[in-house]
Amino acid sequence: MDKEKLKQEIEKGKRWVAQKKQIIHAKDFKIIQGHYHEVRDFVLDKNGFFLIRVYNNTNEIGAAFVDNETYEMKFEVRGKTAQEVYHVIFNELNVNVRLDHAAYLGKELKKAEMALEKREEYLQE
């Protein structure tokens, strides 16, 4: 297949380019529309929640884990990047949270990292 035809198929969603420039063939696959309702779909994680903060003075972001029952802060992980922080939380401390909570944490840590880089205010959702 010539490069121009391949480029057109990629633009139409018939082929995808993955890491290392591998071509993924996508003939017949289902497209599912994402959705989320902030009130109806929200579920509190029974294990606790995270408070995320930007530390401009040390050029770090932090994620503190808070117990749902006692509202006691159990630990805080700090790092220069979102990946440093969530790597420790999930791979070294083995914190067990809901999958949607883990996804939320990654999103918020990245927002905090970008705010730190731009020296902007960060507000956790």
PDB file of N, CA and C in Angstrom:
ATOM      1  N   MET A   1       0.853  -1.177   0.000  1.00  0.00           N
ATOM      2  CA  MET A   1       0.000   0.000   0.000  1.00  0.00           C
ATOM      3  C   MET A   1       0.897   1.238   0.000  1.00  0.00           C
ATOM      4  N   ASP A   2       0.555   2.212  -0.853  1.00  0.00           N
ATOM      5  CA  ASP A   2       1.380   3.409  -0.906  1.00  0.00           C
ATOM      6  C   ASP A   2       1.104   4.311   0.307  1.00  0.00           C
ATOM      7  N   LYS A   3       2.030   5.195   0.586  1.00  0.00           N
ATOM      8  CA  LYS A   3       1.966   6.045   1.782  1.00  0.00           C
ATOM      9  C   LYS A   3       0.738   6.953   1.797  1.00  0.00           C
ATOM     10  N   GLU A   4       0.345   7.477   0.634  1.00  0.00           N
ATOM     11  CA  GLU A   4      -0.805   8.390   0.571  1.00  0.00           C
ATOM     12  C   GLU A   4      -2.101   7.669   0.917  1.00  0.00           C
ATOM     13  N   LYS A   5      -2.286   6.452   0.382  1.00  0.00           N
ATOM     14  CA  LYS A   5      -3.496   5.681   0.677  1.00  0.00           C
ATOM     15  C   LYS A   5      -3.528   5.288   2.156  1.00  0.00           C
ATOM     16  N   LEU A   6      -2.367   4.907   2.701  1.00  0.00           N
ATOM     17  CA  LEU A   6      -2.277   4.561   4.122  1.00  0.00           C
ATOM     18  C   LEU A   6      -2.627   5.776   4.975  1.00  0.00           C
ATOM     19  N   LYS A   7      -2.128   6.942   4.617  1.00  0.00           N
ATOM     20  CA  LYS A   7      -2.423   8.178   5.356  1.00  0.00           C
ATOM     21  C   LYS A   7      -3.931   8.459   5.347  1.00  0.00           C
ATOM     22  N   GLN A   8      -4.586   8.260   4.205  1.00  0.00           N
ATOM     23  CA  GLN A   8      -6.033   8.482   4.104  1.00  0.00           C
ATOM     24  C   GLN A   8      -6.807   7.500   4.986  1.00  0.00           C
ATOM     25  N   GLU A   9      -6.377   6.245   5.000  1.00  0.00           N
ATOM     26  CA  GLU A   9      -7.054   5.245   5.833  1.00  0.00           C
ATOM     27  C   GLU A   9      -6.876   5.550   7.318  1.00  0.00           C
ATOM     28  N   ILE A  10      -5.717   6.060   7.690  1.00  0.00           N
ATOM     29  CA  ILE A  10      -5.487   6.441   9.092  1.00  0.00           C
ATOM     30  C   ILE A  10      -6.413   7.597   9.464  1.00  0.00           C
ATOM     31  N   GLU A  11      -6.528   8.598   8.585  1.00  0.00           N
ATOM     32  CA  GLU A  11      -7.397   9.752   8.841  1.00  0.00           C
ATOM     33  C   GLU A  11      -8.863   9.349   8.954  1.00  0.00           C
ATOM     34  N   LYS A  12      -9.284   8.338   8.216  1.00  0.00           N
ATOM     35  CA  LYS A  12     -10.672   7.873   8.253  1.00  0.00           C
ATOM     36  C   LYS A  12     -10.941   6.940   9.425  1.00  0.00           C
ATOM     37  N   GLY A  13      -9.908   6.562  10.165  1.00  0.00           N
ATOM     38  CA  GLY A  13     -10.099   5.674  11.305  1.00  0.00           C
ATOM     39  C   GLY A  13     -10.080   4.201  10.929  1.00  0.00           C
ATOM     40  N   LYS A  14      -9.693   3.871   9.706  1.00  0.00           N
ATOM     41  CA  LYS A  14      -9.643   2.473   9.287  1.00  0.00           C
ATOM     42  C   LYS A  14      -8.346   1.800   9.739  1.00  0.00           C
ATOM     43  N   ARG A  15      -7.337   2.592  10.007  1.00  0.00           N
ATOM     44  CA  ARG A  15      -6.061   2.080  10.520  1.00  0.00           C
ATOM     45  C   ARG A  15      -5.563   3.027  11.600  1.00  0.00           C
ATOM     46  N   TRP A  16      -4.882   2.468  12.534  1.00  0.00           N
ATOM     47  CA  TRP A  16      -4.312   3.250  13.629  1.00  0.00           C
ATOM     48  C   TRP A  16      -2.820   3.004  13.649  1.00  0.00           C
ATOM     49  N   VAL A  17      -2.063   3.991  14.113  1.00  0.00           N
ATOM     50  CA  VAL A  17      -0.623   3.830  14.248  1.00  0.00           C
ATOM     51  C   VAL A  17      -0.324   3.749  15.738  1.00  0.00           C
ATOM     52  N   ALA A  18       0.270   2.646  16.135  1.00  0.00           N
ATOM     53  CA  ALA A  18       0.596   2.430  17.546  1.00  0.00           C
ATOM     54  C   ALA A  18       2.050   2.808  17.794  1.00  0.00           C
ATOM     55  N   GLN A  19       2.492   2.573  19.024  1.00  0.00           N
ATOM     56  CA  GLN A  19       3.888   2.846  19.368  1.00  0.00           C
ATOM     57  C   GLN A  19       4.814   2.123  18.399  1.00  0.00           C
ATOM     58  N   LYS A  20       5.978   2.680  18.212  1.00  0.00           N
ATOM     59  CA  LYS A  20       7.003   2.120  17.330  1.00  0.00           C
ATOM     60  C   LYS A  20       6.520   2.037  15.887  1.00  0.00           C
ATOM     61  N   LYS A  21       5.544   2.886  15.552  1.00  0.00           N
ATOM     62  CA  LYS A  21       5.045   3.018  14.178  1.00  0.00           C
ATOM     63  C   LYS A  21       4.419   1.731  13.628  1.00  0.00           C
ATOM     64  N   GLN A  22       3.934   0.862  14.504  1.00  0.00           N
ATOM     65  CA  GLN A  22       3.239  -0.335  14.038  1.00  0.00           C
ATOM     66  C   GLN A  22       1.861   0.064  13.517  1.00  0.00           C
ATOM     67  N   ILE A  23       1.465  -0.518  12.406  1.00  0.00           N
ATOM     68  CA  ILE A  23       0.155  -0.240  11.828  1.00  0.00           C
ATOM     69  C   ILE A  23      -0.842  -1.245  12.383  1.00  0.00           C
ATOM     70  N   ILE A  24      -1.917  -0.742  12.981  1.00  0.00           N
ATOM     71  CA  ILE A  24      -2.984  -1.580  13.513  1.00  0.00           C
ATOM     72  C   ILE A  24      -4.142  -1.524  12.528  1.00  0.00           C
ATOM     73  N   HIS A  25      -4.559  -2.669  12.044  1.00  0.00           N
ATOM     74  CA  HIS A  25      -5.666  -2.726  11.092  1.00  0.00           C
ATOM     75  C   HIS A  25      -6.985  -2.692  11.865  1.00  0.00           C
ATOM     76  N   ALA A  26      -7.883  -1.823  11.447  1.00  0.00           N
ATOM     77  CA  ALA A  26      -9.153  -1.654  12.148  1.00  0.00           C
ATOM     78  C   ALA A  26     -10.293  -1.708  11.148  1.00  0.00           C
ATOM     79  N   LYS A  27     -10.644  -2.896  10.715  1.00  0.00           N
ATOM     80  CA  LYS A  27     -11.723  -3.026   9.737  1.00  0.00           C
ATOM     81  C   LYS A  27     -13.084  -2.844  10.396  1.00  0.00           C
ATOM     82  N   ASP A  28     -13.451  -3.800  11.219  1.00  0.00           N
ATOM     83  CA  ASP A  28     -14.766  -3.769  11.847  1.00  0.00           C
ATOM     84  C   ASP A  28     -14.599  -3.736  13.354  1.00  0.00           C
ATOM     85  N   PHE A  29     -14.774  -2.592  13.923  1.00  0.00           N
ATOM     86  CA  PHE A  29     -14.724  -2.480  15.370  1.00  0.00           C
ATOM     87  C   PHE A  29     -15.817  -1.530  15.813  1.00  0.00           C
ATOM     88  N   LYS A  30     -16.207  -1.680  17.048  1.00  0.00           N
ATOM     89  CA  LYS A  30     -17.321  -0.912  17.597  1.00  0.00           C
ATOM     90  C   LYS A  30     -16.814   0.401  18.197  1.00  0.00           C
ATOM     91  N   ILE A  31     -17.477   1.489  17.898  1.00  0.00           N
ATOM     92  CA  ILE A  31     -17.178   2.779  18.510  1.00  0.00           C
ATOM     93  C   ILE A  31     -18.204   3.004  19.609  1.00  0.00           C
ATOM     94  N   ILE A  32     -17.719   3.224  20.812  1.00  0.00           N
ATOM     95  CA  ILE A  32     -18.587   3.404  21.976  1.00  0.00           C
ATOM     96  C   ILE A  32     -18.411   4.831  22.477  1.00  0.00           C
ATOM     97  N   GLN A  33     -19.492   5.543  22.615  1.00  0.00           N
ATOM     98  CA  GLN A  33     -19.443   6.932  23.080  1.00  0.00           C
ATOM     99  C   GLN A  33     -19.288   6.974  24.595  1.00  0.00           C
ATOM    100  N   GLY A  34     -18.286   7.697  25.075  1.00  0.00           N
ATOM    101  CA  GLY A  34     -18.090   7.859  26.508  1.00  0.00           C
ATOM    102  C   GLY A  34     -19.124   8.793  27.111  1.00  0.00           C
ATOM    103  N   HIS A  35     -19.420   8.597  28.387  1.00  0.00           N
ATOM    104  CA  HIS A  35     -20.370   9.469  29.090  1.00  0.00           C
ATOM    105  C   HIS A  35     -20.125   9.343  30.595  1.00  0.00           C
ATOM    106  N   TYR A  36     -20.517  10.380  31.320  1.00  0.00           N
ATOM    107  CA  TYR A  36     -20.386  10.386  32.776  1.00  0.00           C
ATOM    108  C   TYR A  36     -21.288  11.470  33.339  1.00  0.00           C
ATOM    109  N   HIS A  37     -22.059  11.137  34.353  1.00  0.00           N
ATOM    110  CA  HIS A  37     -22.906  12.112  35.043  1.00  0.00           C
ATOM    111  C   HIS A  37     -22.309  12.335  36.430  1.00  0.00           C
ATOM    112  N   GLU A  38     -21.963  13.578  36.744  1.00  0.00           N
ATOM    113  CA  GLU A  38     -21.235  13.882  37.981  1.00  0.00           C
ATOM    114  C   GLU A  38     -21.954  13.459  39.252  1.00  0.00           C
ATOM    115  N   VAL A  39     -23.255  13.452  39.260  1.00  0.00           N
ATOM    116  CA  VAL A  39     -24.007  13.075  40.460  1.00  0.00           C
ATOM    117  C   VAL A  39     -24.400  11.596  40.424  1.00  0.00           C
ATOM    118  N   ARG A  40     -25.047  11.184  39.367  1.00  0.00           N
ATOM    119  CA  ARG A  40     -25.572   9.820  39.272  1.00  0.00           C
ATOM    120  C   ARG A  40     -24.468   8.757  39.244  1.00  0.00           C
ATOM    121  N   ASP A  41     -23.345   9.036  38.567  1.00  0.00           N
ATOM    122  CA  ASP A  41     -22.306   8.030  38.380  1.00  0.00           C
ATOM    123  C   ASP A  41     -21.211   8.071  39.442  1.00  0.00           C
ATOM    124  N   PHE A  42     -21.210   9.084  40.299  1.00  0.00           N
ATOM    125  CA  PHE A  42     -20.158   9.194  41.314  1.00  0.00           C
ATOM    126  C   PHE A  42     -20.340   8.136  42.403  1.00  0.00           C
ATOM    127  N   VAL A  43     -19.254   7.446  42.714  1.00  0.00           N
ATOM    128  CA  VAL A  43     -19.249   6.459  43.790  1.00  0.00           C
ATOM    129  C   VAL A  43     -18.028   6.746  44.661  1.00  0.00           C
ATOM    130  N   LEU A  44     -18.255   6.949  45.951  1.00  0.00           N
ATOM    131  CA  LEU A  44     -17.162   7.198  46.884  1.00  0.00           C
ATOM    132  C   LEU A  44     -16.349   5.925  47.061  1.00  0.00           C
ATOM    133  N   ASP A  45     -15.039   6.050  47.000  1.00  0.00           N
ATOM    134  CA  ASP A  45     -14.160   4.899  47.199  1.00  0.00           C
ATOM    135  C   ASP A  45     -14.160   4.552  48.679  1.00  0.00           C
ATOM    136  N   LYS A  46     -14.483   3.305  49.011  1.00  0.00           N
ATOM    137  CA  LYS A  46     -14.605   2.897  50.413  1.00  0.00           C
ATOM    138  C   LYS A  46     -13.278   2.976  51.170  1.00  0.00           C
ATOM    139  N   ASN A  47     -12.152   2.922  50.452  1.00  0.00           N
ATOM    140  CA  ASN A  47     -10.845   2.922  51.112  1.00  0.00           C
ATOM    141  C   ASN A  47     -10.344   4.313  51.480  1.00  0.00           C
ATOM    142  N   GLY A  48     -10.798   5.319  50.785  1.00  0.00           N
ATOM    143  CA  GLY A  48     -10.329   6.667  51.078  1.00  0.00           C
ATOM    144  C   GLY A  48     -10.276   7.518  49.825  1.00  0.00           C
ATOM    145  N   PHE A  49      -9.648   8.677  49.956  1.00  0.00           N
ATOM    146  CA  PHE A  49      -9.557   9.600  48.822  1.00  0.00           C
ATOM    147  C   PHE A  49      -8.228  10.329  48.869  1.00  0.00           C
ATOM    148  N   PHE A  50      -7.889  10.987  47.769  1.00  0.00           N
ATOM    149  CA  PHE A  50      -6.628  11.708  47.657  1.00  0.00           C
ATOM    150  C   PHE A  50      -6.859  13.208  47.612  1.00  0.00           C
ATOM    151  N   LEU A  51      -6.002  13.924  48.280  1.00  0.00           N
ATOM    152  CA  LEU A  51      -5.925  15.379  48.175  1.00  0.00           C
ATOM    153  C   LEU A  51      -4.644  15.696  47.428  1.00  0.00           C
ATOM    154  N   ILE A  52      -4.755  16.483  46.385  1.00  0.00           N
ATOM    155  CA  ILE A  52      -3.604  16.763  45.532  1.00  0.00           C
ATOM    156  C   ILE A  52      -3.214  18.223  45.686  1.00  0.00           C
ATOM    157  N   ARG A  53      -1.920  18.446  45.730  1.00  0.00           N
ATOM    158  CA  ARG A  53      -1.412  19.788  45.994  1.00  0.00           C
ATOM    159  C   ARG A  53      -0.164  20.051  45.161  1.00  0.00           C
ATOM    160  N   VAL A  54       0.036  21.311  44.816  1.00  0.00           N
ATOM    161  CA  VAL A  54       1.241  21.757  44.113  1.00  0.00           C
ATOM    162  C   VAL A  54       2.128  22.490  45.119  1.00  0.00           C
ATOM    163  N   TYR A  55       3.401  22.104  45.151  1.00  0.00           N
ATOM    164  CA  TYR A  55       4.401  22.746  46.011  1.00  0.00           C
ATOM    165  C   TYR A  55       5.368  23.510  45.121  1.00  0.00           C
ATOM    166  N   ASN A  56       5.068  24.786  44.883  1.00  0.00           N
ATOM    167  CA  ASN A  56       5.928  25.596  44.017  1.00  0.00           C
ATOM    168  C   ASN A  56       7.311  25.809  44.617  1.00  0.00           C
ATOM    169  N   ASN A  57       7.398  25.872  45.938  1.00  0.00           N
ATOM    170  CA  ASN A  57       8.682  26.139  46.582  1.00  0.00           C
ATOM    171  C   ASN A  57       9.690  25.001  46.395  1.00  0.00           C
ATOM    172  N   THR A  58       9.215  23.751  46.246  1.00  0.00           N
ATOM    173  CA  THR A  58      10.118  22.618  46.030  1.00  0.00           C
ATOM    174  C   THR A  58       9.982  22.038  44.622  1.00  0.00           C
ATOM    175  N   ASN A  59       9.129  22.662  43.796  1.00  0.00           N
ATOM    176  CA  ASN A  59       8.887  22.212  42.421  1.00  0.00           C
ATOM    177  C   ASN A  59       8.393  20.765  42.391  1.00  0.00           C
ATOM    178  N   GLU A  60       7.400  20.477  43.252  1.00  0.00           N
ATOM    179  CA  GLU A  60       6.843  19.127  43.350  1.00  0.00           C
ATOM    180  C   GLU A  60       5.323  19.179  43.368  1.00  0.00           C
ATOM    181  N   ILE A  61       4.733  18.020  43.070  1.00  0.00           N
ATOM    182  CA  ILE A  61       3.308  17.821  43.296  1.00  0.00           C
ATOM    183  C   ILE A  61       3.167  16.726  44.342  1.00  0.00           C
ATOM    184  N   GLY A  62       2.072  16.763  45.090  1.00  0.00           N
ATOM    185  CA  GLY A  62       1.872  15.771  46.135  1.00  0.00           C
ATOM    186  C   GLY A  62       0.459  15.219  46.108  1.00  0.00           C
ATOM    187  N   ALA A  63       0.342  13.963  46.520  1.00  0.00           N
ATOM    188  CA  ALA A  63      -0.959  13.307  46.650  1.00  0.00           C
ATOM    189  C   ALA A  63      -1.015  12.694  48.040  1.00  0.00           C
ATOM    190  N   ALA A  64      -1.925  13.204  48.871  1.00  0.00           N
ATOM    191  CA  ALA A  64      -2.090  12.710  50.240  1.00  0.00           C
ATOM    192  C   ALA A  64      -3.321  11.817  50.282  1.00  0.00           C
ATOM    193  N   PHE A  65      -3.174  10.645  50.886  1.00  0.00           N
ATOM    194  CA  PHE A  65      -4.281   9.698  51.003  1.00  0.00           C
ATOM    195  C   PHE A  65      -4.970   9.891  52.340  1.00  0.00           C
ATOM    196  N   VAL A  66      -6.304  10.038  52.310  1.00  0.00           N
ATOM    197  CA  VAL A  66      -7.100  10.311  53.504  1.00  0.00           C
ATOM    198  C   VAL A  66      -8.082   9.167  53.728  1.00  0.00           C
ATOM    199  N   ASP A  67      -8.139   8.664  54.964  1.00  0.00           N
ATOM    200  CA  ASP A  67      -9.066   7.603  55.344  1.00  0.00           C
ATOM    201  C   ASP A  67     -10.487   8.152  55.365  1.00  0.00           C
ATOM    202  N   ASN A  68     -11.428   7.429  54.756  1.00  0.00           N
ATOM    203  CA  ASN A  68     -12.828   7.874  54.680  1.00  0.00           C
ATOM    204  C   ASN A  68     -13.510   7.947  56.041  1.00  0.00           C
ATOM    205  N   GLU A  69     -13.179   7.052  56.944  1.00  0.00           N
ATOM    206  CA  GLU A  69     -13.878   6.993  58.229  1.00  0.00           C
ATOM    207  C   GLU A  69     -13.336   7.995  59.242  1.00  0.00           C
ATOM    208  N   THR A  70     -12.010   8.094  59.332  1.00  0.00           N
ATOM    209  CA  THR A  70     -11.406   8.949  60.361  1.00  0.00           C
ATOM    210  C   THR A  70     -11.000  10.320  59.835  1.00  0.00           C
ATOM    211  N   TYR A  71     -10.987  10.474  58.527  1.00  0.00           N
ATOM    212  CA  TYR A  71     -10.475  11.680  57.866  1.00  0.00           C
ATOM    213  C   TYR A  71      -9.041  11.975  58.277  1.00  0.00           C
ATOM    214  N   GLU A  72      -8.312  10.936  58.584  1.00  0.00           N
ATOM    215  CA  GLU A  72      -6.903  11.043  58.942  1.00  0.00           C
ATOM    216  C   GLU A  72      -6.059  10.848  57.693  1.00  0.00           C
ATOM    217  N   MET A  73      -5.064  11.737  57.517  1.00  0.00           N
ATOM    218  CA  MET A  73      -4.151  11.608  56.402  1.00  0.00           C
ATOM    219  C   MET A  73      -3.192  10.467  56.713  1.00  0.00           C
ATOM    220  N   LYS A  74      -3.140   9.468  55.828  1.00  0.00           N
ATOM    221  CA  LYS A  74      -2.303   8.286  56.068  1.00  0.00           C
ATOM    222  C   LYS A  74      -0.885   8.469  55.537  1.00  0.00           C
ATOM    223  N   PHE A  75      -0.734   9.107  54.387  1.00  0.00           N
ATOM    224  CA  PHE A  75       0.587   9.352  53.807  1.00  0.00           C
ATOM    225  C   PHE A  75       0.450  10.377  52.696  1.00  0.00           C
ATOM    226  N   GLU A  76       1.575  10.936  52.295  1.00  0.00           N
ATOM    227  CA  GLU A  76       1.624  11.803  51.128  1.00  0.00           C
ATOM    228  C   GLU A  76       2.821  11.379  50.292  1.00  0.00           C
ATOM    229  N   VAL A  77       2.600  11.268  48.982  1.00  0.00           N
ATOM    230  CA  VAL A  77       3.677  10.972  48.045  1.00  0.00           C
ATOM    231  C   VAL A  77       3.932  12.231  47.244  1.00  0.00           C
ATOM    232  N   ARG A  78       5.200  12.631  47.170  1.00  0.00           N
ATOM    233  CA  ARG A  78       5.575  13.815  46.401  1.00  0.00           C
ATOM    234  C   ARG A  78       6.542  13.427  45.295  1.00  0.00           C
ATOM    235  N   GLY A  79       6.478  14.165  44.211  1.00  0.00           N
ATOM    236  CA  GLY A  79       7.390  13.936  43.096  1.00  0.00           C
ATOM    237  C   GLY A  79       7.364  15.102  42.139  1.00  0.00           C
ATOM    238  N   LYS A  80       8.249  15.055  41.175  1.00  0.00           N
ATOM    239  CA  LYS A  80       8.352  16.120  40.177  1.00  0.00           C
ATOM    240  C   LYS A  80       7.323  15.955  39.060  1.00  0.00           C
ATOM    241  N   THR A  81       6.861  14.712  38.845  1.00  0.00           N
ATOM    242  CA  THR A  81       5.907  14.443  37.764  1.00  0.00           C
ATOM    243  C   THR A  81       4.755  13.590  38.277  1.00  0.00           C
ATOM    244  N   ALA A  82       3.664  13.616  37.519  1.00  0.00           N
ATOM    245  CA  ALA A  82       2.511  12.776  37.848  1.00  0.00           C
ATOM    246  C   ALA A  82       2.918  11.312  37.867  1.00  0.00           C
ATOM    247  N   GLN A  83       3.721  10.899  36.909  1.00  0.00           N
ATOM    248  CA  GLN A  83       4.122   9.500  36.810  1.00  0.00           C
ATOM    249  C   GLN A  83       4.948   9.066  38.015  1.00  0.00           C
ATOM    250  N   GLU A  84       5.824   9.916  38.509  1.00  0.00           N
ATOM    251  CA  GLU A  84       6.593   9.571  39.712  1.00  0.00           C
ATOM    252  C   GLU A  84       5.660   9.304  40.888  1.00  0.00           C
ATOM    253  N   VAL A  85       4.647  10.144  41.043  1.00  0.00           N
ATOM    254  CA  VAL A  85       3.744  10.025  42.185  1.00  0.00           C
ATOM    255  C   VAL A  85       2.868   8.781  42.064  1.00  0.00           C
ATOM    256  N   TYR A  86       2.206   8.590  40.925  1.00  0.00           N
ATOM    257  CA  TYR A  86       1.314   7.440  40.852  1.00  0.00           C
ATOM    258  C   TYR A  86       2.074   6.121  40.766  1.00  0.00           C
ATOM    259  N   HIS A  87       3.315   6.155  40.284  1.00  0.00           N
ATOM    260  CA  HIS A  87       4.123   4.930  40.281  1.00  0.00           C
ATOM    261  C   HIS A  87       4.340   4.442  41.715  1.00  0.00           C
ATOM    262  N   VAL A  88       4.692   5.344  42.596  1.00  0.00           N
ATOM    263  CA  VAL A  88       4.913   4.964  43.999  1.00  0.00           C
ATOM    264  C   VAL A  88       3.604   4.512  44.639  1.00  0.00           C
ATOM    265  N   ILE A  89       2.526   5.241  44.396  1.00  0.00           N
ATOM    266  CA  ILE A  89       1.230   4.902  45.004  1.00  0.00           C
ATOM    267  C   ILE A  89       0.783   3.490  44.620  1.00  0.00           C
ATOM    268  N   PHE A  90       0.870   3.171  43.342  1.00  0.00           N
ATOM    269  CA  PHE A  90       0.307   1.899  42.889  1.00  0.00           C
ATOM    270  C   PHE A  90       1.308   0.758  42.774  1.00  0.00           C
ATOM    271  N   ASN A  91       2.578   1.059  42.539  1.00  0.00           N
ATOM    272  CA  ASN A  91       3.559  -0.009  42.354  1.00  0.00           C
ATOM    273  C   ASN A  91       4.428  -0.290  43.568  1.00  0.00           C
ATOM    274  N   GLU A  92       4.582   0.676  44.440  1.00  0.00           N
ATOM    275  CA  GLU A  92       5.401   0.459  45.631  1.00  0.00           C
ATOM    276  C   GLU A  92       4.561   0.354  46.903  1.00  0.00           C
ATOM    277  N   LEU A  93       3.568   1.234  47.028  1.00  0.00           N
ATOM    278  CA  LEU A  93       2.701   1.189  48.213  1.00  0.00           C
ATOM    279  C   LEU A  93       1.512   0.249  48.016  1.00  0.00           C
ATOM    280  N   ASN A  94       1.257  -0.129  46.767  1.00  0.00           N
ATOM    281  CA  ASN A  94       0.151  -1.039  46.421  1.00  0.00           C
ATOM    282  C   ASN A  94      -1.192  -0.591  46.990  1.00  0.00           C
ATOM    283  N   VAL A  95      -1.485   0.698  46.859  1.00  0.00           N
ATOM    284  CA  VAL A  95      -2.753   1.235  47.331  1.00  0.00           C
ATOM    285  C   VAL A  95      -3.878   0.655  46.483  1.00  0.00           C
ATOM    286  N   ASN A  96      -4.906   0.168  47.144  1.00  0.00           N
ATOM    287  CA  ASN A  96      -6.040  -0.463  46.475  1.00  0.00           C
ATOM    288  C   ASN A  96      -7.205   0.519  46.428  1.00  0.00           C
ATOM    289  N   VAL A  97      -7.473   1.030  45.224  1.00  0.00           N
ATOM    290  CA  VAL A  97      -8.609   1.931  45.027  1.00  0.00           C
ATOM    291  C   VAL A  97      -9.408   1.448  43.827  1.00  0.00           C
ATOM    292  N   ARG A  98     -10.600   1.987  43.689  1.00  0.00           N
ATOM    293  CA  ARG A  98     -11.441   1.678  42.522  1.00  0.00           C
ATOM    294  C   ARG A  98     -10.700   2.107  41.251  1.00  0.00           C
ATOM    295  N   LEU A  99     -10.971   1.428  40.141  1.00  0.00           N
ATOM    296  CA  LEU A  99     -10.306   1.766  38.883  1.00  0.00           C
ATOM    297  C   LEU A  99     -10.631   3.187  38.433  1.00  0.00           C
ATOM    298  N   ASP A 100     -11.893   3.622  38.617  1.00  0.00           N
ATOM    299  CA  ASP A 100     -12.234   4.986  38.221  1.00  0.00           C
ATOM    300  C   ASP A 100     -11.528   6.008  39.108  1.00  0.00           C
ATOM    301  N   HIS A 101     -11.256   5.637  40.354  1.00  0.00           N
ATOM    302  CA  HIS A 101     -10.521   6.514  41.262  1.00  0.00           C
ATOM    303  C   HIS A 101      -9.061   6.622  40.809  1.00  0.00           C
ATOM    304  N   ALA A 102      -8.483   5.505  40.377  1.00  0.00           N
ATOM    305  CA  ALA A 102      -7.102   5.517  39.871  1.00  0.00           C
ATOM    306  C   ALA A 102      -6.999   6.385  38.614  1.00  0.00           C
ATOM    307  N   ALA A 103      -7.994   6.270  37.725  1.00  0.00           N
ATOM    308  CA  ALA A 103      -7.998   7.084  36.507  1.00  0.00           C
ATOM    309  C   ALA A 103      -8.126   8.568  36.858  1.00  0.00           C
ATOM    310  N   TYR A 104      -9.010   8.880  37.791  1.00  0.00           N
ATOM    311  CA  TYR A 104      -9.189  10.260  38.259  1.00  0.00           C
ATOM    312  C   TYR A 104      -7.881  10.802  38.843  1.00  0.00           C
ATOM    313  N   LEU A 105      -7.211   9.972  39.646  1.00  0.00           N
ATOM    314  CA  LEU A 105      -5.955  10.400  40.263  1.00  0.00           C
ATOM    315  C   LEU A 105      -4.922  10.739  39.192  1.00  0.00           C
ATOM    316  N   GLY A 106      -4.803   9.885  38.172  1.00  0.00           N
ATOM    317  CA  GLY A 106      -3.859  10.162  37.092  1.00  0.00           C
ATOM    318  C   GLY A 106      -4.171  11.464  36.385  1.00  0.00           C
ATOM    319  N   LYS A 107      -5.458  11.705  36.130  1.00  0.00           N
ATOM    320  CA  LYS A 107      -5.884  12.940  35.453  1.00  0.00           C
ATOM    321  C   LYS A 107      -5.549  14.159  36.299  1.00  0.00           C
ATOM    322  N   GLU A 108      -5.872  14.097  37.581  1.00  0.00           N
ATOM    323  CA  GLU A 108      -5.634  15.244  38.462  1.00  0.00           C
ATOM    324  C   GLU A 108      -4.138  15.479  38.704  1.00  0.00           C
ATOM    325  N   LEU A 109      -3.367  14.410  38.817  1.00  0.00           N
ATOM    326  CA  LEU A 109      -1.923  14.580  38.989  1.00  0.00           C
ATOM    327  C   LEU A 109      -1.302  15.241  37.759  1.00  0.00           C
ATOM    328  N   LYS A 110      -1.778  14.869  36.582  1.00  0.00           N
ATOM    329  CA  LYS A 110      -1.257  15.496  35.359  1.00  0.00           C
ATOM    330  C   LYS A 110      -1.645  16.968  35.309  1.00  0.00           C
ATOM    331  N   LYS A 111      -2.865  17.298  35.720  1.00  0.00           N
ATOM    332  CA  LYS A 111      -3.271  18.706  35.786  1.00  0.00           C
ATOM    333  C   LYS A 111      -2.379  19.478  36.754  1.00  0.00           C
ATOM    334  N   ALA A 112      -2.081  18.869  37.897  1.00  0.00           N
ATOM    335  CA  ALA A 112      -1.218  19.512  38.889  1.00  0.00           C
ATOM    336  C   ALA A 112       0.193  19.705  38.325  1.00  0.00           C
ATOM    337  N   GLU A 113       0.689  18.701  37.616  1.00  0.00           N
ATOM    338  CA  GLU A 113       2.022  18.802  37.004  1.00  0.00           C
ATOM    339  C   GLU A 113       2.069  19.943  35.994  1.00  0.00           C
ATOM    340  N   MET A 114       1.031  20.070  35.167  1.00  0.00           N
ATOM    341  CA  MET A 114       0.988  21.143  34.171  1.00  0.00           C
ATOM    342  C   MET A 114       0.881  22.511  34.852  1.00  0.00           C
ATOM    343  N   ALA A 115       0.109  22.596  35.934  1.00  0.00           N
ATOM    344  CA  ALA A 115       0.001  23.862  36.670  1.00  0.00           C
ATOM    345  C   ALA A 115       1.355  24.237  37.267  1.00  0.00           C
ATOM    346  N   LEU A 116       2.068  23.253  37.778  1.00  0.00           N
ATOM    347  CA  LEU A 116       3.394  23.499  38.341  1.00  0.00           C
ATOM    348  C   LEU A 116       4.345  24.011  37.264  1.00  0.00           C
ATOM    349  N   GLU A 117       4.353  23.373  36.108  1.00  0.00           N
ATOM    350  CA  GLU A 117       5.235  23.786  35.008  1.00  0.00           C
ATOM    351  C   GLU A 117       4.944  25.214  34.559  1.00  0.00           C
ATOM    352  N   LYS A 118       3.655  25.591  34.532  1.00  0.00           N
ATOM    353  CA  LYS A 118       3.251  26.913  34.053  1.00  0.00           C
ATOM    354  C   LYS A 118       3.169  27.947  35.172  1.00  0.00           C
ATOM    355  N   ARG A 119       3.417  27.493  36.415  1.00  0.00           N
ATOM    356  CA  ARG A 119       3.295  28.354  37.595  1.00  0.00           C
ATOM    357  C   ARG A 119       1.893  28.959  37.697  1.00  0.00           C
ATOM    358  N   GLU A 120       0.895  28.108  37.412  1.00  0.00           N
ATOM    359  CA  GLU A 120      -0.502  28.520  37.512  1.00  0.00           C
ATOM    360  C   GLU A 120      -1.124  27.901  38.759  1.00  0.00           C
ATOM    361  N   GLU A 121      -2.261  28.444  39.156  1.00  0.00           N
ATOM    362  CA  GLU A 121      -2.983  27.891  40.310  1.00  0.00           C
ATOM    363  C   GLU A 121      -3.585  26.549  39.929  1.00  0.00           C
ATOM    364  N   TYR A 122      -3.544  25.596  40.856  1.00  0.00           N
ATOM    365  CA  TYR A 122      -4.158  24.289  40.646  1.00  0.00           C
ATOM    366  C   TYR A 122      -5.325  24.129  41.613  1.00  0.00           C
ATOM    367  N   LEU A 123      -6.495  23.747  41.073  1.00  0.00           N
ATOM    368  CA  LEU A 123      -7.662  23.444  41.890  1.00  0.00           C
ATOM    369  C   LEU A 123      -8.114  22.033  41.575  1.00  0.00           C
ATOM    370  N   GLN A 124      -8.187  21.205  42.581  1.00  0.00           N
ATOM    371  CA  GLN A 124      -8.619  19.815  42.394  1.00  0.00           C
ATOM    372  C   GLN A 124     -10.115  19.769  42.145  1.00  0.00           C
ATOM    373  N   GLU A 125     -10.526  18.949  41.177  1.00  0.00           N
ATOM    374  CA  GLU A 125     -11.958  18.768  40.904  1.00  0.00           C
ATOM    375  C   GLU A 125     -12.566  17.879  41.938  1.00  0.00           C
TER     376      GLU A 125
END
